[in-house]
C-alpha atoms as a PDB file:
ATOM      1  CA  UNK A   1     171.132  75.996  43.173  1.00  0.00           C
ATOM      2  CA  UNK A   2     174.041  74.239  46.104  1.00  0.00           C
ATOM      3  CA  UNK A   3     172.434  73.691  49.250  1.00  0.00           C
ATOM      4  CA  UNK A   4     174.805  75.084  52.298  1.00  0.00           C
ATOM      5  CA  UNK A   5     175.646  74.319  55.513  1.00  0.00           C
ATOM      6  CA  UNK A   6     177.347  76.901  57.562  1.00  0.00           C
ATOM      7  CA  UNK A   7     179.245  75.579  60.568  1.00  0.00           C
ATOM      8  CA  UNK A   8     179.222  79.056  62.795  1.00  0.00           C
ATOM      9  CA  UNK A   9     176.043  80.897  64.108  1.00  0.00           C
ATOM     10  CA  UNK A  10     177.652  84.397  64.575  1.00  0.00           C
ATOM     11  CA  UNK A  11     178.136  87.482  62.823  1.00  0.00           C
ATOM     12  CA  UNK A  12     180.526  86.162  60.661  1.00  0.00           C
ATOM     13  CA  UNK A  13     177.580  83.597  59.758  1.00  0.00           C
ATOM     14  CA  UNK A  14     175.374  86.129  59.461  1.00  0.00           C
ATOM     15  CA  UNK A  15     177.666  87.737  56.508  1.00  0.00           C
ATOM     16  CA  UNK A  16     178.674  84.361  54.794  1.00  0.00           C
ATOM     17  CA  UNK A  17     174.740  83.431  54.566  1.00  0.00           C
ATOM     18  CA  UNK A  18     174.083  86.501  53.010  1.00  0.00           C
ATOM     19  CA  UNK A  19     177.022  85.836  50.519  1.00  0.00           C
ATOM     20  CA  UNK A  20     175.359  82.379  49.728  1.00  0.00           C
ATOM     21  CA  UNK A  21     172.137  83.795  49.242  1.00  0.00           C
ATOM     22  CA  UNK A  22     172.882  86.566  46.845  1.00  0.00           C
ATOM     23  CA  UNK A  23     174.835  83.864  44.757  1.00  0.00           C
ATOM     24  CA  UNK A  24     172.015  82.085  44.011  1.00  0.00           C
ATOM     25  CA  UNK A  25     172.182  79.196  46.531  1.00  0.00           C
ATOM     26  CA  UNK A  26     170.173  78.077  49.314  1.00  0.00           C
ATOM     27  CA  UNK A  27     171.096  78.001  53.007  1.00  0.00           C
ATOM     28  CA  UNK A  28     169.852  75.173  54.934  1.00  0.00           C
ATOM     29  CA  UNK A  29     171.004  76.056  58.234  1.00  0.00           C
ATOM     30  CA  UNK A  30     173.933  76.092  60.846  1.00  0.00           C
ATOM     31  CA  UNK A  31     175.909  73.914  63.182  1.00  0.00           C
ATOM     32  CA  UNK A  32     177.368  75.403  66.322  1.00  0.00           C
ATOM     33  CA  UNK A  33     178.728  73.602  69.554  1.00  0.00           C
ATOM     34  CA  UNK A  34     177.306  76.399  71.419  1.00  0.00           C
ATOM     35  CA  UNK A  35     174.301  74.481  73.072  1.00  0.00           C
ATOM     36  CA  UNK A  36     172.656  77.929  74.694  1.00  0.00           C
ATOM     37  CA  UNK A  37     171.674  79.503  70.940  1.00  0.00           C
ATOM     38  CA  UNK A  38     168.237  79.208  69.941  1.00  0.00           C
ATOM     39  CA  UNK A  39     166.733  76.810  67.584  1.00  0.00           C
ATOM     40  CA  UNK A  40     167.008  79.936  64.787  1.00  0.00           C
ATOM     41  CA  UNK A  41     169.484  81.903  63.813  1.00  0.00           C
ATOM     42  CA  UNK A  42     168.857  85.115  61.708  1.00  0.00           C
ATOM     43  CA  UNK A  43     165.495  83.177  60.706  1.00  0.00           C
ATOM     44  CA  UNK A  44     167.625  79.475  59.618  1.00  0.00           C
ATOM     45  CA  UNK A  45     167.125  76.618  61.790  1.00  0.00           C
ATOM     46  CA  UNK A  46     170.519  75.693  64.109  1.00  0.00           C
ATOM     47  CA  UNK A  47     170.797  71.731  62.824  1.00  0.00           C
ATOM     48  CA  UNK A  48     173.150  70.560  65.793  1.00  0.00           C
ATOM     49  CA  UNK A  49     176.438  70.554  66.832  1.00  0.00           C
ATOM     50  CA  UNK A  50     179.012  70.330  64.413  1.00  0.00           C
ATOM     51  CA  UNK A  51     179.615  66.771  65.000  1.00  0.00           C
ATOM     52  CA  UNK A  52     176.135  66.414  63.358  1.00  0.00           C
ATOM     53  CA  UNK A  53     177.641  66.889  59.834  1.00  0.00           C
ATOM     54  CA  UNK A  54     177.356  63.159  59.166  1.00  0.00           C
ATOM     55  CA  UNK A  55     173.753  63.869  58.645  1.00  0.00           C
ATOM     56  CA  UNK A  56     174.288  65.983  56.200  1.00  0.00           C
ATOM     57  CA  UNK A  57     176.910  65.330  53.890  1.00  0.00           C
ATOM     58  CA  UNK A  58     175.026  63.548  51.072  1.00  0.00           C
ATOM     59  CA  UNK A  59     172.547  66.742  50.778  1.00  0.00           C
ATOM     60  CA  UNK A  60     174.826  69.776  51.419  1.00  0.00           C
ATOM     61  CA  UNK A  61     178.096  71.327  51.070  1.00  0.00           C
ATOM     62  CA  UNK A  62     180.058  73.342  54.266  1.00  0.00           C
ATOM     63  CA  UNK A  63     181.665  76.047  54.966  1.00  0.00           C
ATOM     64  CA  UNK A  64     183.432  77.214  57.967  1.00  0.00           C
ATOM     65  CA  UNK A  65     181.820  81.005  59.170  1.00  0.00           C
ATOM     66  CA  UNK A  66     184.816  81.380  62.030  1.00  0.00           C
ATOM     67  CA  UNK A  67     187.187  83.972  62.045  1.00  0.00           C
ATOM     68  CA  UNK A  68     189.916  82.197  64.048  1.00  0.00           C
ATOM     69  CA  UNK A  69     192.592  80.754  61.813  1.00  0.00           C
ATOM     70  CA  UNK A  70     193.110  77.809  64.355  1.00  0.00           C
ATOM     71  CA  UNK A  71     189.434  76.914  64.954  1.00  0.00           C
ATOM     72  CA  UNK A  72     189.113  76.948  61.244  1.00  0.00           C
ATOM     73  CA  UNK A  73     191.805  74.694  60.621  1.00  0.00           C
ATOM     74  CA  UNK A  74     190.975  72.011  63.324  1.00  0.00           C
ATOM     75  CA  UNK A  75     187.136  71.828  62.056  1.00  0.00           C
ATOM     76  CA  UNK A  76     188.536  71.570  58.069  1.00  0.00           C
ATOM     77  CA  UNK A  77     190.576  68.324  59.552  1.00  0.00           C
ATOM     78  CA  UNK A  78     187.741  67.179  61.796  1.00  0.00           C
ATOM     79  CA  UNK A  79     185.376  66.984  58.898  1.00  0.00           C
ATOM     80  CA  UNK A  80     186.198  64.023  57.076  1.00  0.00           C
ATOM     81  CA  UNK A  81     184.316  63.356  53.301  1.00  0.00           C
ATOM     82  CA  UNK A  82     182.387  66.677  53.056  1.00  0.00           C
ATOM     83  CA  UNK A  83     182.271  68.689  49.649  1.00  0.00           C
ATOM     84  CA  UNK A  84     183.525  72.173  50.928  1.00  0.00           C
ATOM     85  CA  UNK A  85     181.664  75.381  49.302  1.00  0.00           C
ATOM     86  CA  UNK A  86     183.215  78.082  48.132  1.00  0.00           C
ATOM     87  CA  UNK A  87     181.321  81.414  48.709  1.00  0.00           C
ATOM     88  CA  UNK A  88     182.032  84.595  46.549  1.00  0.00           C
ATOM     89  CA  UNK A  89     180.013  87.486  46.812  1.00  0.00           C
ATOM     90  CA  UNK A  90     178.193  88.782  43.599  1.00  0.00           C
ATOM     91  CA  UNK A  91     179.986  92.379  44.077  1.00  0.00           C
ATOM     92  CA  UNK A  92     183.561  91.069  44.349  1.00  0.00           C
ATOM     93  CA  UNK A  93     185.939  91.775  41.385  1.00  0.00           C
ATOM     94  CA  UNK A  94     187.773  88.306  40.522  1.00  0.00           C
ATOM     95  CA  UNK A  95     190.257  88.541  37.522  1.00  0.00           C
ATOM     96  CA  UNK A  96     189.318  86.122  34.919  1.00  0.00           C
ATOM     97  CA  UNK A  97     193.229  85.338  34.028  1.00  0.00           C
ATOM     98  CA  UNK A  98     194.521  82.498  35.830  1.00  0.00           C
ATOM     99  CA  UNK A  99     193.156  83.308  39.224  1.00  0.00           C
ATOM    100  CA  UNK A 100     193.028  80.071  41.571  1.00  0.00           C
ATOM    101  CA  UNK A 101     190.732  80.249  44.736  1.00  0.00           C
ATOM    102  CA  UNK A 102     190.764  77.216  47.289  1.00  0.00           C
ATOM    103  CA  UNK A 103     187.896  74.974  48.570  1.00  0.00           C
ATOM    104  CA  UNK A 104     185.912  76.757  51.283  1.00  0.00           C
ATOM    105  CA  UNK A 105     187.197  79.935  50.951  1.00  0.00           C
ATOM    106  CA  UNK A 106     185.077  82.701  51.315  1.00  0.00           C
ATOM    107  CA  UNK A 107     185.434  86.087  49.222  1.00  0.00           C
ATOM    108  CA  UNK A 108     183.505  89.158  50.856  1.00  0.00           C
ATOM    109  CA  UNK A 109     181.389  92.218  48.884  1.00  0.00           C
ATOM    110  CA  UNK A 110     183.596  94.240  47.164  1.00  0.00           C
ATOM    111  CA  UNK A 111     186.586  92.189  47.579  1.00  0.00           C
ATOM    112  CA  UNK A 112     189.227  92.777  44.534  1.00  0.00           C
ATOM    113  CA  UNK A 113     191.599  89.216  43.352  1.00  0.00           C
ATOM    114  CA  UNK A 114     193.510  90.141  40.173  1.00  0.00           C
ATOM    115  CA  UNK A 115     195.369  88.499  37.416  1.00  0.00           C
ATOM    116  CA  UNK A 116     197.104  85.478  38.532  1.00  0.00           C
ATOM    117  CA  UNK A 117     196.827  85.244  42.213  1.00  0.00           C
ATOM    118  CA  UNK A 118     196.430  81.887  44.093  1.00  0.00           C
ATOM    119  CA  UNK A 119     194.457  81.863  47.439  1.00  0.00           C
ATOM    120  CA  UNK A 120     194.370  78.715  49.487  1.00  0.00           C
ATOM    121  CA  UNK A 121     191.699  76.568  51.351  1.00  0.00           C
ATOM    122  CA  UNK A 122     189.406  78.258  54.033  1.00  0.00           C
ATOM    123  CA  UNK A 123     190.483  81.648  53.841  1.00  0.00           C
ATOM    124  CA  UNK A 124     188.614  84.618  53.899  1.00  0.00           C
ATOM    125  CA  UNK A 125     189.488  87.715  51.784  1.00  0.00           C
ATOM    126  CA  UNK A 126     187.003  90.413  53.598  1.00  0.00           C
ATOM    127  CA  UNK A 127     184.634  93.352  52.522  1.00  0.00           C
ATOM    128  CA  UNK A 128     186.421  95.471  50.164  1.00  0.00           C
ATOM    129  CA  UNK A 129     190.104  93.956  50.531  1.00  0.00           C
ATOM    130  CA  UNK A 130     192.602  94.211  47.473  1.00  0.00           C
ATOM    131  CA  UNK A 131     194.810  91.227  46.248  1.00  0.00           C
ATOM    132  CA  UNK A 132     196.515  92.625  43.574  1.00  0.00           C
ATOM    133  CA  UNK A 133     198.266  90.393  40.864  1.00  0.00           C
ATOM    134  CA  UNK A 134     200.268  87.209  41.334  1.00  0.00           C
ATOM    135  CA  UNK A 135     199.533  87.036  45.143  1.00  0.00           C
ATOM    136  CA  UNK A 136     199.887  83.672  46.700  1.00  0.00           C
ATOM    137  CA  UNK A 137     197.974  83.827  49.961  1.00  0.00           C
ATOM    138  CA  UNK A 138     198.091  80.413  51.979  1.00  0.00           C
ATOM    139  CA  UNK A 139     195.557  78.002  53.265  1.00  0.00           C
ATOM    140  CA  UNK A 140     193.840  79.411  56.552  1.00  0.00           C
ATOM    141  CA  UNK A 141     194.637  83.016  56.087  1.00  0.00           C
ATOM    142  CA  UNK A 142     192.483  85.847  56.985  1.00  0.00           C
ATOM    143  CA  UNK A 143     192.787  89.015  55.288  1.00  0.00           C
ATOM    144  CA  UNK A 144     190.540  91.417  57.175  1.00  0.00           C
ATOM    145  CA  UNK A 145     188.466  94.412  55.976  1.00  0.00           C
ATOM    146  CA  UNK A 146     190.074  96.931  53.773  1.00  0.00           C
ATOM    147  CA  UNK A 147     193.306  95.212  53.506  1.00  0.00           C
ATOM    148  CA  UNK A 148     195.581  95.792  50.305  1.00  0.00           C
ATOM    149  CA  UNK A 149     198.022  93.674  49.139  1.00  0.00           C
ATOM    150  CA  UNK A 150     200.225  94.940  46.829  1.00  0.00           C
ATOM    151  CA  UNK A 151     201.520  92.972  43.364  1.00  0.00           C
ATOM    152  CA  UNK A 152     203.598  89.550  44.060  1.00  0.00           C
ATOM    153  CA  UNK A 153     202.803  89.254  48.109  1.00  0.00           C
ATOM    154  CA  UNK A 154     203.232  86.008  49.302  1.00  0.00           C
ATOM    155  CA  UNK A 155     201.552  85.396  52.580  1.00  0.00           C
ATOM    156  CA  UNK A 156     202.183  82.255  54.376  1.00  0.00           C
ATOM    157  CA  UNK A 157     199.628  79.865  56.120  1.00  0.00           C
ATOM    158  CA  UNK A 158     197.588  80.775  59.098  1.00  0.00           C
ATOM    159  CA  UNK A 159     198.462  84.569  58.898  1.00  0.00           C
ATOM    160  CA  UNK A 160     195.828  86.844  59.929  1.00  0.00           C
ATOM    161  CA  UNK A 161     196.192  90.792  58.563  1.00  0.00           C
ATOM    162  CA  UNK A 162     194.506  93.325  60.340  1.00  0.00           C
ATOM    163  CA  UNK A 163     191.850  95.794  59.425  1.00  0.00           C
ATOM    164  CA  UNK A 164     193.175  98.276  56.996  1.00  0.00           C
ATOM    165  CA  UNK A 165     196.799  97.212  56.565  1.00  0.00           C
ATOM    166  CA  UNK A 166     198.977  97.834  53.542  1.00  0.00           C
ATOM    167  CA  UNK A 167     201.373  95.350  52.430  1.00  0.00           C
ATOM    168  CA  UNK A 168     203.861  96.622  49.845  1.00  0.00           C
ATOM    169  CA  UNK A 169     204.500  94.475  46.616  1.00  0.00           C
ATOM    170  CA  UNK A 170     207.212  91.872  46.460  1.00  0.00           C
ATOM    171  CA  UNK A 171     206.757  90.915  49.856  1.00  0.00           C
ATOM    172  CA  UNK A 172     206.587  87.850  51.632  1.00  0.00           C
ATOM    173  CA  UNK A 173     205.371  87.405  55.068  1.00  0.00           C
ATOM    174  CA  UNK A 174     205.654  83.535  57.277  1.00  0.00           C
ATOM    175  CA  UNK A 175     203.164  81.721  58.048  1.00  0.00           C
ATOM    176  CA  UNK A 176     201.288  81.973  61.668  1.00  0.00           C
ATOM    177  CA  UNK A 177     201.653  85.721  62.023  1.00  0.00           C
ATOM    178  CA  UNK A 178     199.354  88.670  63.001  1.00  0.00           C
ATOM    179  CA  UNK A 179     199.724  91.909  61.277  1.00  0.00           C
ATOM    180  CA  UNK A 180     197.685  94.418  63.400  1.00  0.00           C
ATOM    181  CA  UNK A 181     195.420  96.984  61.888  1.00  0.00           C
ATOM    182  CA  UNK A 182     196.303  99.395  60.367  1.00  0.00           C
ATOM    183  CA  UNK A 183     200.208  98.344  60.220  1.00  0.00           C
ATOM    184  CA  UNK A 184     202.413  99.192  57.001  1.00  0.00           C
ATOM    185  CA  UNK A 185     204.357  96.472  55.927  1.00  0.00           C
ATOM    186  CA  UNK A 186     207.840  97.576  54.240  1.00  0.00           C
ATOM    187  CA  UNK A 187     209.877  94.513  54.333  1.00  0.00           C
ATOM    188  CA  UNK A 188     209.916  90.695  54.610  1.00  0.00           C
ATOM    189  CA  UNK A 189     208.677  88.828  57.468  1.00  0.00           C
ATOM    190  CA  UNK A 190     210.130  85.833  58.056  1.00  0.00           C
ATOM    191  CA  UNK A 191     209.693  85.186  61.921  1.00  0.00           C
ATOM    192  CA  UNK A 192     206.835  84.088  63.674  1.00  0.00           C
ATOM    193  CA  UNK A 193     205.125  86.998  65.675  1.00  0.00           C
ATOM    194  CA  UNK A 194     202.770  89.954  66.040  1.00  0.00           C
ATOM    195  CA  UNK A 195     203.757  93.105  64.004  1.00  0.00           C
ATOM    196  CA  UNK A 196     202.071  96.600  64.535  1.00  0.00           C
ATOM    197  CA  UNK A 197     202.851 100.133  63.400  1.00  0.00           C
ATOM    198  CA  UNK A 198     203.945 102.092  60.432  1.00  0.00           C
ATOM    199  CA  UNK A 199     206.408 100.650  59.208  1.00  0.00           C
ATOM    200  CA  UNK A 200     205.544  97.227  60.707  1.00  0.00           C
ATOM    201  CA  UNK A 201     207.763  95.963  63.829  1.00  0.00           C
ATOM    202  CA  UNK A 202     207.663  92.855  65.748  1.00  0.00           C
ATOM    203  CA  UNK A 203     206.212  93.382  68.974  1.00  0.00           C
ATOM    204  CA  UNK A 204     205.818  90.119  70.684  1.00  0.00           C
ATOM    205  CA  UNK A 205     205.042  86.262  70.002  1.00  0.00           C
ATOM    206  CA  UNK A 206     202.230  85.097  67.928  1.00  0.00           C
ATOM    207  CA  UNK A 207     201.089  82.803  71.329  1.00  0.00           C
ATOM    208  CA  UNK A 208     200.342  86.299  72.829  1.00  0.00           C
ATOM    209  CA  UNK A 209     197.630  86.781  70.835  1.00  0.00           C
ATOM    210  CA  UNK A 210     195.650  83.279  71.447  1.00  0.00           C
END
């Protein structure tokens, strides 16, 4: 059994805590910079702010339960020398054929990751998402609830794919994009930005989303 500390006492943190417990591991508590939070969150202790992580590096692994890709990247760079926990819900279906999942990534309930797909570090593959065969998902990508990625899709670093979006087979999406909820991507995306609609079209610069 592993002992895990969750960074981010939020709704997403609740889900990650549930995954860790259902996987037979122990949640020691949360770290969060919001000083207005109570001393306990979902019955688990708030252990301090993020900078307090050094107190626990010898006894725990860590996972970042924050949806925002920019914040996840900053925190992962800030925490030196920690052991990152990869959380996979027991109901997720992970192919046994050459799947690679990076450290600190969270795979949620009923997600599917098929053969020879590669998922980077500190990614989120949310509930009921499908990652088909031969996908490459780079670091810090957020694949939202119910997303469908066809075969041989490449998603660049720090891209956020919104709820229920569909990405056609053999598509490349560059880094730092936002794919809007329900969008359907039928051709390569090679310019950073926010893409919405059916078929998905670029509407504005991604910085407008931040």
